[in-house]
PDB file of N, CA and C in Angstrom:
ATOM      1  N   MET A   1       5.598  21.002  18.979  1.00  0.00           N
ATOM      2  CA  MET A   1       4.886  20.107  18.079  1.00  0.00           C
ATOM      3  C   MET A   1       5.543  20.141  16.706  1.00  0.00           C
ATOM      4  N   SER A   2       5.640  19.013  16.072  1.00  0.00           N
ATOM      5  CA  SER A   2       6.298  18.888  14.783  1.00  0.00           C
ATOM      6  C   SER A   2       5.393  19.375  13.661  1.00  0.00           C
ATOM      7  N   ASP A   3       6.017  20.034  12.670  1.00  0.00           N
ATOM      8  CA  ASP A   3       5.274  20.505  11.504  1.00  0.00           C
ATOM      9  C   ASP A   3       5.256  19.466  10.393  1.00  0.00           C
ATOM     10  N   GLN A   4       5.896  18.320  10.611  1.00  0.00           N
ATOM     11  CA  GLN A   4       5.927  17.293   9.580  1.00  0.00           C
ATOM     12  C   GLN A   4       4.553  16.662   9.414  1.00  0.00           C
ATOM     13  N   ARG A   5       4.177  16.471   8.169  1.00  0.00           N
ATOM     14  CA  ARG A   5       2.900  15.830   7.880  1.00  0.00           C
ATOM     15  C   ARG A   5       3.038  14.319   8.020  1.00  0.00           C
ATOM     16  N   LEU A   6       1.926  13.685   8.311  1.00  0.00           N
ATOM     17  CA  LEU A   6       1.888  12.240   8.450  1.00  0.00           C
ATOM     18  C   LEU A   6       0.701  11.714   7.661  1.00  0.00           C
ATOM     19  N   TYR A   7       0.940  10.695   6.852  1.00  0.00           N
ATOM     20  CA  TYR A   7      -0.100  10.132   6.001  1.00  0.00           C
ATOM     21  C   TYR A   7      -0.317   8.655   6.320  1.00  0.00           C
ATOM     22  N   ARG A   8      -1.583   8.243   6.252  1.00  0.00           N
ATOM     23  CA  ARG A   8      -1.938   6.826   6.339  1.00  0.00           C
ATOM     24  C   ARG A   8      -2.299   6.398   4.922  1.00  0.00           C
ATOM     25  N   ILE A   9      -1.592   5.376   4.416  1.00  0.00           N
ATOM     26  CA  ILE A   9      -1.809   4.889   3.066  1.00  0.00           C
ATOM     27  C   ILE A   9      -2.337   3.461   3.146  1.00  0.00           C
ATOM     28  N   VAL A  10      -3.460   3.205   2.502  1.00  0.00           N
ATOM     29  CA  VAL A  10      -4.038   1.862   2.448  1.00  0.00           C
ATOM     30  C   VAL A  10      -4.007   1.435   0.989  1.00  0.00           C
ATOM     31  N   PHE A  11      -3.393   0.260   0.744  1.00  0.00           N
ATOM     32  CA  PHE A  11      -3.283  -0.237  -0.621  1.00  0.00           C
ATOM     33  C   PHE A  11      -3.300  -1.764  -0.633  1.00  0.00           C
ATOM     34  N   PHE A  12      -3.616  -2.329  -1.812  1.00  0.00           N
ATOM     35  CA  PHE A  12      -3.625  -3.773  -1.989  1.00  0.00           C
ATOM     36  C   PHE A  12      -2.272  -4.227  -2.515  1.00  0.00           C
ATOM     37  N   ASN A  13      -1.787  -5.347  -1.978  1.00  0.00           N
ATOM     38  CA  ASN A  13      -0.548  -5.959  -2.441  1.00  0.00           C
ATOM     39  C   ASN A  13      -0.684  -7.469  -2.311  1.00  0.00           C
ATOM     40  N   GLN A  14      -0.648  -8.162  -3.426  1.00  0.00           N
ATOM     41  CA  GLN A  14      -0.723  -9.621  -3.472  1.00  0.00           C
ATOM     42  C   GLN A  14      -1.918 -10.166  -2.687  1.00  0.00           C
ATOM     43  N   GLY A  15      -3.084  -9.563  -2.908  1.00  0.00           N
ATOM     44  CA  GLY A  15      -4.321 -10.051  -2.306  1.00  0.00           C
ATOM     45  C   GLY A  15      -4.569  -9.627  -0.872  1.00  0.00           C
ATOM     46  N   GLN A  16      -3.641  -8.877  -0.288  1.00  0.00           N
ATOM     47  CA  GLN A  16      -3.815  -8.412   1.083  1.00  0.00           C
ATOM     48  C   GLN A  16      -3.864  -6.893   1.108  1.00  0.00           C
ATOM     49  N   SER A  17      -4.490  -6.370   2.138  1.00  0.00           N
ATOM     50  CA  SER A  17      -4.596  -4.928   2.306  1.00  0.00           C
ATOM     51  C   SER A  17      -3.504  -4.467   3.273  1.00  0.00           C
ATOM     52  N   TYR A  18      -2.695  -3.512   2.844  1.00  0.00           N
ATOM     53  CA  TYR A  18      -1.616  -2.960   3.660  1.00  0.00           C
ATOM     54  C   TYR A  18      -2.035  -1.583   4.160  1.00  0.00           C
ATOM     55  N   GLU A  19      -1.768  -1.295   5.416  1.00  0.00           N
ATOM     56  CA  GLU A  19      -1.992   0.031   5.989  1.00  0.00           C
ATOM     57  C   GLU A  19      -0.666   0.479   6.590  1.00  0.00           C
ATOM     58  N   VAL A  20      -0.062   1.523   5.998  1.00  0.00           N
ATOM     59  CA  VAL A  20       1.229   2.017   6.464  1.00  0.00           C
ATOM     60  C   VAL A  20       1.151   3.520   6.702  1.00  0.00           C
ATOM     61  N   TYR A  21       2.107   4.024   7.469  1.00  0.00           N
ATOM     62  CA  TYR A  21       2.198   5.451   7.759  1.00  0.00           C
ATOM     63  C   TYR A  21       3.510   5.974   7.192  1.00  0.00           C
ATOM     64  N   ALA A  22       3.447   7.165   6.557  1.00  0.00           N
ATOM     65  CA  ALA A  22       4.629   7.721   5.916  1.00  0.00           C
ATOM     66  C   ALA A  22       4.624   9.244   6.025  1.00  0.00           C
ATOM     67  N   ARG A  23       5.806   9.816   5.877  1.00  0.00           N
ATOM     68  CA  ARG A  23       5.958  11.278   5.949  1.00  0.00           C
ATOM     69  C   ARG A  23       5.698  11.959   4.613  1.00  0.00           C
ATOM     70  N   GLN A  24       5.958  11.277   3.498  1.00  0.00           N
ATOM     71  CA  GLN A  24       5.778  11.906   2.195  1.00  0.00           C
ATOM     72  C   GLN A  24       5.050  10.968   1.240  1.00  0.00           C
ATOM     73  N   VAL A  25       4.083  11.532   0.522  1.00  0.00           N
ATOM     74  CA  VAL A  25       3.347  10.815  -0.516  1.00  0.00           C
ATOM     75  C   VAL A  25       3.215  11.765  -1.695  1.00  0.00           C
ATOM     76  N   ALA A  26       3.517  11.253  -2.892  1.00  0.00           N
ATOM     77  CA  ALA A  26       3.441  12.122  -4.067  1.00  0.00           C
ATOM     78  C   ALA A  26       3.138  11.292  -5.302  1.00  0.00           C
ATOM     79  N   GLN A  27       2.727  11.987  -6.360  1.00  0.00           N
ATOM     80  CA  GLN A  27       2.597  11.325  -7.646  1.00  0.00           C
ATOM     81  C   GLN A  27       4.023  11.026  -8.083  1.00  0.00           C
ATOM     82  N   GLY A  28       4.327   9.775  -8.315  1.00  0.00           N
ATOM     83  CA  GLY A  28       5.691   9.365  -8.604  1.00  0.00           C
ATOM     84  C   GLY A  28       6.178   9.795  -9.970  1.00  0.00           C
ATOM     85  N   GLY A  29       7.489   9.741 -10.137  1.00  0.00           N
ATOM     86  CA  GLY A  29       8.095  10.013 -11.422  1.00  0.00           C
ATOM     87  C   GLY A  29       7.776   8.918 -12.428  1.00  0.00           C
ATOM     88  N   LEU A  30       7.362   7.756 -11.931  1.00  0.00           N
ATOM     89  CA  LEU A  30       6.923   6.664 -12.797  1.00  0.00           C
ATOM     90  C   LEU A  30       5.434   6.855 -13.063  1.00  0.00           C
ATOM     91  N   TYR A  31       5.063   6.945 -14.313  1.00  0.00           N
ATOM     92  CA  TYR A  31       3.672   7.189 -14.682  1.00  0.00           C
ATOM     93  C   TYR A  31       2.770   6.090 -14.130  1.00  0.00           C
ATOM     94  N   GLY A  32       1.690   6.482 -13.438  1.00  0.00           N
ATOM     95  CA  GLY A  32       0.713   5.535 -12.924  1.00  0.00           C
ATOM     96  C   GLY A  32       1.043   4.993 -11.548  1.00  0.00           C
ATOM     97  N   PHE A  33       2.035   5.562 -10.882  1.00  0.00           N
ATOM     98  CA  PHE A  33       2.438   5.083  -9.562  1.00  0.00           C
ATOM     99  C   PHE A  33       2.394   6.202  -8.529  1.00  0.00           C
ATOM    100  N   VAL A  34       2.115   5.836  -7.277  1.00  0.00           N
ATOM    101  CA  VAL A  34       2.170   6.758  -6.151  1.00  0.00           C
ATOM    102  C   VAL A  34       3.468   6.471  -5.412  1.00  0.00           C
ATOM    103  N   GLU A  35       4.226   7.521  -5.136  1.00  0.00           N
ATOM    104  CA  GLU A  35       5.518   7.400  -4.463  1.00  0.00           C
ATOM    105  C   GLU A  35       5.321   7.574  -2.961  1.00  0.00           C
ATOM    106  N   VAL A  36       5.803   6.634  -2.164  1.00  0.00           N
ATOM    107  CA  VAL A  36       5.671   6.679  -0.704  1.00  0.00           C
ATOM    108  C   VAL A  36       7.083   6.679  -0.120  1.00  0.00           C
ATOM    109  N   GLU A  37       7.350   7.652   0.759  1.00  0.00           N
ATOM    110  CA  GLU A  37       8.693   7.805   1.308  1.00  0.00           C
ATOM    111  C   GLU A  37       8.618   8.134   2.790  1.00  0.00           C
ATOM    112  N   GLY A  38       9.613   7.699   3.539  1.00  0.00           N
ATOM    113  CA  GLY A  38       9.693   8.018   4.963  1.00  0.00           C
ATOM    114  C   GLY A  38       8.712   7.236   5.809  1.00  0.00           C
ATOM    115  N   LEU A  39       8.735   5.912   5.696  1.00  0.00           N
ATOM    116  CA  LEU A  39       7.826   5.080   6.496  1.00  0.00           C
ATOM    117  C   LEU A  39       8.054   5.309   7.986  1.00  0.00           C
ATOM    118  N   VAL A  40       6.955   5.291   8.734  1.00  0.00           N
ATOM    119  CA  VAL A  40       6.988   5.507  10.179  1.00  0.00           C
ATOM    120  C   VAL A  40       6.394   4.282  10.853  1.00  0.00           C
ATOM    121  N   PHE A  41       7.133   3.735  11.806  1.00  0.00           N
ATOM    122  CA  PHE A  41       6.650   2.591  12.580  1.00  0.00           C
ATOM    123  C   PHE A  41       6.621   2.969  14.042  1.00  0.00           C
ATOM    124  N   GLY A  42       5.933   2.151  14.859  1.00  0.00           N
ATOM    125  CA  GLY A  42       5.785   2.411  16.286  1.00  0.00           C
ATOM    126  C   GLY A  42       7.117   2.468  17.016  1.00  0.00           C
ATOM    127  N   GLU A  43       7.082   3.061  18.192  1.00  0.00           N
ATOM    128  CA  GLU A  43       8.278   3.183  19.013  1.00  0.00           C
ATOM    129  C   GLU A  43       8.758   1.818  19.474  1.00  0.00           C
ATOM    130  N   LYS A  44      10.070   1.652  19.573  1.00  0.00           N
ATOM    131  CA  LYS A  44      10.634   0.391  20.041  1.00  0.00           C
ATOM    132  C   LYS A  44      10.479   0.220  21.540  1.00  0.00           C
ATOM    133  N   SER A  45      10.079   1.274  22.238  1.00  0.00           N
ATOM    134  CA  SER A  45       9.942   1.198  23.693  1.00  0.00           C
ATOM    135  C   SER A  45       8.582   0.633  24.116  1.00  0.00           C
ATOM    136  N   GLN A  46       7.724   0.330  23.164  1.00  0.00           N
ATOM    137  CA  GLN A  46       6.411  -0.204  23.510  1.00  0.00           C
ATOM    138  C   GLN A  46       6.554  -1.588  24.133  1.00  0.00           C
ATOM    139  N   LEU A  47       5.751  -1.870  25.130  1.00  0.00           N
ATOM    140  CA  LEU A  47       5.794  -3.162  25.792  1.00  0.00           C
ATOM    141  C   LEU A  47       5.134  -4.253  24.961  1.00  0.00           C
ATOM    142  N   VAL A  48       4.066  -3.908  24.260  1.00  0.00           N
ATOM    143  CA  VAL A  48       3.342  -4.879  23.447  1.00  0.00           C
ATOM    144  C   VAL A  48       3.838  -4.773  22.011  1.00  0.00           C
ATOM    145  N   VAL A  49       4.249  -5.915  21.447  1.00  0.00           N
ATOM    146  CA  VAL A  49       4.758  -5.945  20.083  1.00  0.00           C
ATOM    147  C   VAL A  49       3.682  -6.531  19.186  1.00  0.00           C
ATOM    148  N   ASP A  50       3.338  -5.792  18.131  1.00  0.00           N
ATOM    149  CA  ASP A  50       2.334  -6.253  17.169  1.00  0.00           C
ATOM    150  C   ASP A  50       3.039  -7.060  16.076  1.00  0.00           C
ATOM    151  N   PRO A  51       2.719  -8.358  15.923  1.00  0.00           N
ATOM    152  CA  PRO A  51       3.403  -9.175  14.918  1.00  0.00           C
ATOM    153  C   PRO A  51       3.208  -8.678  13.489  1.00  0.00           C
ATOM    154  N   SER A  52       2.050  -8.089  13.198  1.00  0.00           N
ATOM    155  CA  SER A  52       1.792  -7.564  11.865  1.00  0.00           C
ATOM    156  C   SER A  52       2.733  -6.406  11.553  1.00  0.00           C
ATOM    157  N   GLU A  53       2.916  -5.521  12.533  1.00  0.00           N
ATOM    158  CA  GLU A  53       3.815  -4.377  12.317  1.00  0.00           C
ATOM    159  C   GLU A  53       5.263  -4.841  12.214  1.00  0.00           C
ATOM    160  N   GLU A  54       5.634  -5.843  12.990  1.00  0.00           N
ATOM    161  CA  GLU A  54       6.988  -6.388  12.914  1.00  0.00           C
ATOM    162  C   GLU A  54       7.242  -6.993  11.533  1.00  0.00           C
ATOM    163  N   ARG A  55       6.229  -7.646  10.981  1.00  0.00           N
ATOM    164  CA  ARG A  55       6.349  -8.216   9.632  1.00  0.00           C
ATOM    165  C   ARG A  55       6.590  -7.108   8.604  1.00  0.00           C
ATOM    166  N   LEU A  56       5.848  -6.005   8.746  1.00  0.00           N
ATOM    167  CA  LEU A  56       6.029  -4.883   7.824  1.00  0.00           C
ATOM    168  C   LEU A  56       7.408  -4.251   7.980  1.00  0.00           C
ATOM    169  N   LYS A  57       7.894  -4.138   9.207  1.00  0.00           N
ATOM    170  CA  LYS A  57       9.240  -3.588   9.432  1.00  0.00           C
ATOM    171  C   LYS A  57      10.284  -4.409   8.699  1.00  0.00           C
ATOM    172  N   LYS A  58      10.160  -5.730   8.781  1.00  0.00           N
ATOM    173  CA  LYS A  58      11.111  -6.605   8.093  1.00  0.00           C
ATOM    174  C   LYS A  58      10.961  -6.502   6.584  1.00  0.00           C
ATOM    175  N   GLU A  59       9.712  -6.445   6.104  1.00  0.00           N
ATOM    176  CA  GLU A  59       9.474  -6.377   4.661  1.00  0.00           C
ATOM    177  C   GLU A  59      10.036  -5.092   4.054  1.00  0.00           C
ATOM    178  N   PHE A  60       9.931  -3.984   4.779  1.00  0.00           N
ATOM    179  CA  PHE A  60      10.381  -2.696   4.257  1.00  0.00           C
ATOM    180  C   PHE A  60      11.731  -2.265   4.829  1.00  0.00           C
ATOM    181  N   GLU A  61      12.439  -3.180   5.464  1.00  0.00           N
ATOM    182  CA  GLU A  61      13.748  -2.865   6.021  1.00  0.00           C
ATOM    183  C   GLU A  61      14.699  -2.441   4.900  1.00  0.00           C
ATOM    184  N   GLY A  62      15.352  -1.301   5.080  1.00  0.00           N
ATOM    185  CA  GLY A  62      16.290  -0.798   4.090  1.00  0.00           C
ATOM    186  C   GLY A  62      15.648  -0.103   2.901  1.00  0.00           C
ATOM    187  N   VAL A  63      14.319   0.016   2.877  1.00  0.00           N
ATOM    188  CA  VAL A  63      13.622   0.671   1.765  1.00  0.00           C
ATOM    189  C   VAL A  63      13.515   2.159   2.054  1.00  0.00           C
ATOM    190  N   LYS A  64      14.067   2.966   1.161  1.00  0.00           N
ATOM    191  CA  LYS A  64      14.006   4.415   1.311  1.00  0.00           C
ATOM    192  C   LYS A  64      12.697   4.967   0.748  1.00  0.00           C
ATOM    193  N   ARG A  65      12.283   4.412  -0.373  1.00  0.00           N
ATOM    194  CA  ARG A  65      11.092   4.890  -1.085  1.00  0.00           C
ATOM    195  C   ARG A  65      10.521   3.716  -1.856  1.00  0.00           C
ATOM    196  N   PHE A  66       9.191   3.631  -1.958  1.00  0.00           N
ATOM    197  CA  PHE A  66       8.593   2.596  -2.789  1.00  0.00           C
ATOM    198  C   PHE A  66       7.431   3.176  -3.566  1.00  0.00           C
ATOM    199  N   TYR A  67       7.047   2.466  -4.617  1.00  0.00           N
ATOM    200  CA  TYR A  67       6.010   2.928  -5.537  1.00  0.00           C
ATOM    201  C   TYR A  67       4.855   1.926  -5.541  1.00  0.00           C
ATOM    202  N   VAL A  68       3.649   2.457  -5.473  1.00  0.00           N
ATOM    203  CA  VAL A  68       2.437   1.634  -5.475  1.00  0.00           C
ATOM    204  C   VAL A  68       1.640   1.997  -6.730  1.00  0.00           C
ATOM    205  N   PRO A  69       1.199   1.007  -7.504  1.00  0.00           N
ATOM    206  CA  PRO A  69       0.361   1.334  -8.668  1.00  0.00           C
ATOM    207  C   PRO A  69      -0.906   2.073  -8.220  1.00  0.00           C
ATOM    208  N   MET A  70      -1.276   3.109  -8.964  1.00  0.00           N
ATOM    209  CA  MET A  70      -2.435   3.923  -8.581  1.00  0.00           C
ATOM    210  C   MET A  70      -3.699   3.099  -8.402  1.00  0.00           C
ATOM    211  N   HIS A  71      -3.896   2.070  -9.227  1.00  0.00           N
ATOM    212  CA  HIS A  71      -5.124   1.281  -9.128  1.00  0.00           C
ATOM    213  C   HIS A  71      -5.134   0.394  -7.886  1.00  0.00           C
ATOM    214  N   ALA A  72      -3.991   0.251  -7.198  1.00  0.00           N
ATOM    215  CA  ALA A  72      -3.935  -0.555  -5.976  1.00  0.00           C
ATOM    216  C   ALA A  72      -4.197   0.280  -4.718  1.00  0.00           C
ATOM    217  N   VAL A  73      -4.171   1.607  -4.843  1.00  0.00           N
ATOM    218  CA  VAL A  73      -4.374   2.478  -3.689  1.00  0.00           C
ATOM    219  C   VAL A  73      -5.862   2.561  -3.356  1.00  0.00           C
ATOM    220  N   VAL A  74      -6.192   2.297  -2.091  1.00  0.00           N
ATOM    221  CA  VAL A  74      -7.571   2.394  -1.631  1.00  0.00           C
ATOM    222  C   VAL A  74      -7.840   3.809  -1.147  1.00  0.00           C
ATOM    223  N   ARG A  75      -6.952   4.326  -0.296  1.00  0.00           N
ATOM    224  CA  ARG A  75      -7.115   5.702   0.183  1.00  0.00           C
ATOM    225  C   ARG A  75      -5.822   6.197   0.799  1.00  0.00           C
ATOM    226  N   ILE A  76      -5.698   7.532   0.835  1.00  0.00           N
ATOM    227  CA  ILE A  76      -4.573   8.203   1.469  1.00  0.00           C
ATOM    228  C   ILE A  76      -5.165   9.291   2.354  1.00  0.00           C
ATOM    229  N   ASP A  77      -4.835   9.251   3.649  1.00  0.00           N
ATOM    230  CA  ASP A  77      -5.354  10.232   4.609  1.00  0.00           C
ATOM    231  C   ASP A  77      -4.198  10.964   5.268  1.00  0.00           C
ATOM    232  N   GLU A  78      -4.340  12.266   5.434  1.00  0.00           N
ATOM    233  CA  GLU A  78      -3.400  13.002   6.275  1.00  0.00           C
ATOM    234  C   GLU A  78      -3.942  12.907   7.697  1.00  0.00           C
ATOM    235  N   VAL A  79      -3.120  12.423   8.632  1.00  0.00           N
ATOM    236  CA  VAL A  79      -3.572  12.156   9.988  1.00  0.00           C
ATOM    237  C   VAL A  79      -2.773  12.951  11.005  1.00  0.00           C
ATOM    238  N   GLU A  80      -3.341  13.084  12.201  1.00  0.00           N
ATOM    239  CA  GLU A  80      -2.692  13.799  13.300  1.00  0.00           C
ATOM    240  C   GLU A  80      -1.667  12.917  14.013  1.00  0.00           C
ATOM    241  N   LYS A  81      -2.090  11.657  14.281  1.00  0.00           N
ATOM    242  CA  LYS A  81      -1.235  10.752  15.044  1.00  0.00           C
ATOM    243  C   LYS A  81      -1.012   9.461  14.275  1.00  0.00           C
ATOM    244  N   GLU A  82       0.113   8.854  14.568  1.00  0.00           N
ATOM    245  CA  GLU A  82       0.452   7.574  13.961  1.00  0.00           C
ATOM    246  C   GLU A  82      -0.357   6.462  14.614  1.00  0.00           C
ATOM    247  N   GLY A  83      -0.797   5.531  13.808  1.00  0.00           N
ATOM    248  CA  GLY A  83      -1.457   4.330  14.307  1.00  0.00           C
ATOM    249  C   GLY A  83      -0.540   3.139  14.101  1.00  0.00           C
ATOM    250  N   VAL A  84      -1.091   1.973  14.173  1.00  0.00           N
ATOM    251  CA  VAL A  84      -0.308   0.750  13.992  1.00  0.00           C
ATOM    252  C   VAL A  84      -0.347   0.348  12.525  1.00  0.00           C
ATOM    253  N   SER A  85       0.819   0.199  11.922  1.00  0.00           N
ATOM    254  CA  SER A  85       0.888  -0.316  10.555  1.00  0.00           C
ATOM    255  C   SER A  85       0.514  -1.780  10.601  1.00  0.00           C
ATOM    256  N   ARG A  86      -0.202  -2.237   9.566  1.00  0.00           N
ATOM    257  CA  ARG A  86      -0.666  -3.624   9.604  1.00  0.00           C
ATOM    258  C   ARG A  86      -0.953  -4.158   8.216  1.00  0.00           C
ATOM    259  N   VAL A  87      -1.010  -5.478   8.146  1.00  0.00           N
ATOM    260  CA  VAL A  87      -1.411  -6.187   6.940  1.00  0.00           C
ATOM    261  C   VAL A  87      -2.717  -6.880   7.270  1.00  0.00           C
ATOM    262  N   ILE A  88      -3.731  -6.642   6.455  1.00  0.00           N
ATOM    263  CA  ILE A  88      -5.051  -7.220   6.690  1.00  0.00           C
ATOM    264  C   ILE A  88      -5.266  -8.320   5.661  1.00  0.00           C
ATOM    265  N   PRO A  89      -5.404  -9.580   6.109  1.00  0.00           N
ATOM    266  CA  PRO A  89      -5.611 -10.666   5.143  1.00  0.00           C
ATOM    267  C   PRO A  89      -6.958 -10.523   4.446  1.00  0.00           C
ATOM    268  N   PRO A  90      -7.093 -11.129   3.268  1.00  0.00           N
ATOM    269  CA  PRO A  90      -8.363 -11.034   2.548  1.00  0.00           C
ATOM    270  C   PRO A  90      -9.467 -11.746   3.325  1.00  0.00           C
ATOM    271  N   PRO A  91     -10.703 -11.264   3.212  1.00  0.00           N
ATOM    272  CA  PRO A  91     -11.814 -11.927   3.923  1.00  0.00           C
ATOM    273  C   PRO A  91     -12.084 -13.308   3.335  1.00  0.00           C
ATOM    274  N   LYS A  92     -12.596 -14.175   4.175  1.00  0.00           N
ATOM    275  CA  LYS A  92     -12.984 -15.511   3.714  1.00  0.00           C
ATOM    276  C   LYS A  92     -14.246 -15.385   2.878  1.00  0.00           C
ATOM    277  N   ASP A  93     -14.522 -16.385   2.082  1.00  0.00           N
ATOM    278  CA  ASP A  93     -15.702 -16.363   1.204  1.00  0.00           C
ATOM    279  C   ASP A  93     -16.969 -16.069   2.006  1.00  0.00           C
ATOM    280  N   GLY A  94     -17.747 -15.118   1.513  1.00  0.00           N
ATOM    281  CA  GLY A  94     -19.023 -14.798   2.138  1.00  0.00           C
ATOM    282  C   GLY A  94     -18.940 -13.796   3.283  1.00  0.00           C
ATOM    283  N   GLU A  95     -17.725 -13.380   3.693  1.00  0.00           N
ATOM    284  CA  GLU A  95     -17.604 -12.452   4.812  1.00  0.00           C
ATOM    285  C   GLU A  95     -17.659 -10.987   4.382  1.00  0.00           C
ATOM    286  N   SER A  96     -17.472 -10.711   3.106  1.00  0.00           N
ATOM    287  CA  SER A  96     -17.428  -9.331   2.656  1.00  0.00           C
ATOM    288  C   SER A  96     -18.337  -9.132   1.448  1.00  0.00           C
ATOM    289  N   ASN A  97     -18.923  -7.965   1.366  1.00  0.00           N
ATOM    290  CA  ASN A  97     -19.731  -7.645   0.195  1.00  0.00           C
ATOM    291  C   ASN A  97     -18.983  -6.675  -0.722  1.00  0.00           C
ATOM    292  N   VAL A  98     -17.677  -6.489  -0.480  1.00  0.00           N
ATOM    293  CA  VAL A  98     -16.844  -5.607  -1.283  1.00  0.00           C
ATOM    294  C   VAL A  98     -15.934  -6.464  -2.141  1.00  0.00           C
ATOM    295  N   SER A  99     -15.838  -6.132  -3.426  1.00  0.00           N
ATOM    296  CA  SER A  99     -14.919  -6.856  -4.301  1.00  0.00           C
ATOM    297  C   SER A  99     -14.058  -5.840  -5.040  1.00  0.00           C
ATOM    298  N   PRO A 100     -12.830  -6.239  -5.415  1.00  0.00           N
ATOM    299  CA  PRO A 100     -11.960  -5.306  -6.120  1.00  0.00           C
ATOM    300  C   PRO A 100     -12.488  -4.972  -7.505  1.00  0.00           C
ATOM    301  N   PHE A 101     -12.140  -3.799  -7.987  1.00  0.00           N
ATOM    302  CA  PHE A 101     -12.524  -3.369  -9.317  1.00  0.00           C
ATOM    303  C   PHE A 101     -11.874  -4.300 -10.335  1.00  0.00           C
ATOM    304  N   PRO A 102     -12.622  -4.801 -11.316  1.00  0.00           N
ATOM    305  CA  PRO A 102     -12.036  -5.743 -12.278  1.00  0.00           C
ATOM    306  C   PRO A 102     -10.960  -5.067 -13.128  1.00  0.00           C
ATOM    307  N   VAL A 103      -9.870  -5.783 -13.320  1.00  0.00           N
ATOM    308  CA  VAL A 103      -8.752  -5.289 -14.115  1.00  0.00           C
ATOM    309  C   VAL A 103      -8.545  -6.262 -15.269  1.00  0.00           C
ATOM    310  N   PRO A 104      -8.473  -5.774 -16.519  1.00  0.00           N
ATOM    311  CA  PRO A 104      -8.279  -6.694 -17.642  1.00  0.00           C
ATOM    312  C   PRO A 104      -6.914  -7.368 -17.557  1.00  0.00           C
ATOM    313  N   ILE A 105      -6.883  -8.660 -17.873  1.00  0.00           N
ATOM    314  CA  ILE A 105      -5.636  -9.408 -17.820  1.00  0.00           C
ATOM    315  C   ILE A 105      -4.901  -9.299 -19.146  1.00  0.00           C
ATOM    316  N   TYR A 106      -5.649  -9.258 -20.238  1.00  0.00           N
ATOM    317  CA  TYR A 106      -5.052  -9.227 -21.553  1.00  0.00           C
ATOM    318  C   TYR A 106      -5.217  -7.851 -22.176  1.00  0.00           C
ATOM    319  N   GLY A 107      -4.301  -7.521 -23.089  1.00  0.00           N
ATOM    320  CA  GLY A 107      -4.376  -6.259 -23.804  1.00  0.00           C
ATOM    321  C   GLY A 107      -5.481  -6.274 -24.836  1.00  0.00           C
ATOM    322  N   PRO A 108      -5.661  -5.166 -25.531  1.00  0.00           N
ATOM    323  CA  PRO A 108      -6.722  -5.091 -26.549  1.00  0.00           C
ATOM    324  C   PRO A 108      -6.436  -6.035 -27.709  1.00  0.00           C
ATOM    325  N   GLN A 109      -7.510  -6.486 -28.364  1.00  0.00           N
ATOM    326  CA  GLN A 109      -7.375  -7.380 -29.515  1.00  0.00           C
ATOM    327  C   GLN A 109      -6.796  -6.593 -30.700  1.00  0.00           C
ATOM    328  N   GLY A 110      -6.141  -7.334 -31.578  1.00  0.00           N
ATOM    329  CA  GLY A 110      -5.593  -6.702 -32.780  1.00  0.00           C
ATOM    330  C   GLY A 110      -4.279  -5.990 -32.551  1.00  0.00           C
ATOM    331  N   ASP A 111      -3.532  -6.428 -31.535  1.00  0.00           N
ATOM    332  CA  ASP A 111      -2.257  -5.766 -31.261  1.00  0.00           C
ATOM    333  C   ASP A 111      -1.095  -6.406 -32.046  1.00  0.00           C
ATOM    334  N   GLY A 112      -1.424  -7.329 -32.972  1.00  0.00           N
ATOM    335  CA  GLY A 112      -0.398  -7.920 -33.821  1.00  0.00           C
ATOM    336  C   GLY A 112       0.239  -9.175 -33.246  1.00  0.00           C
ATOM    337  N   ARG A 113      -0.220  -9.625 -32.079  1.00  0.00           N
ATOM    338  CA  ARG A 113       0.403 -10.788 -31.447  1.00  0.00           C
ATOM    339  C   ARG A 113      -0.420 -12.074 -31.648  1.00  0.00           C
ATOM    340  N   SER A 114      -1.517 -11.993 -32.358  1.00  0.00           N
ATOM    341  CA  SER A 114      -2.389 -13.164 -32.490  1.00  0.00           C
ATOM    342  C   SER A 114      -1.896 -14.149 -33.534  1.00  0.00           C
ATOM    343  N   GLY A 115      -0.908 -13.757 -34.318  1.00  0.00           N
ATOM    344  CA  GLY A 115      -0.397 -14.646 -35.360  1.00  0.00           C
ATOM    345  C   GLY A 115      -1.144 -14.498 -36.672  1.00  0.00           C
ATOM    346  N   LYS A 116      -2.237 -13.750 -36.695  1.00  0.00           N
ATOM    347  CA  LYS A 116      -3.018 -13.509 -37.907  1.00  0.00           C
ATOM    348  C   LYS A 116      -2.611 -12.151 -38.455  1.00  0.00           C
ATOM    349  N   GLU A 117      -1.840 -12.158 -39.523  1.00  0.00           N
ATOM    350  CA  GLU A 117      -1.397 -10.883 -40.071  1.00  0.00           C
ATOM    351  C   GLU A 117      -1.680 -10.764 -41.517  1.00  0.00           C
TER     352      GLU A 117
END
């Protein structure tokens, strides 16, 4: 049995929820980001091909490591077995009672950019 750890990372990216599996997760060298390295995808010998996982394979092809903003991370779990990586589209109106935490679009007032000096 392998001693390598396996993590399931769920995060938001461009309005969709991503669920990926990786060997290493750490607080990144970039402040405010989670570093994800060593993505793991299903075996190529599987008879059934999941289009969502194939999309993720293409999206992360050639990526050694990527960084996710901390506020986009939903959860990180250490797991025993690998599952299927997938992209979950956003729910249609009225299907969910969960909404994302509000994030301010503009910086604080009085930062010198208002033209009033």
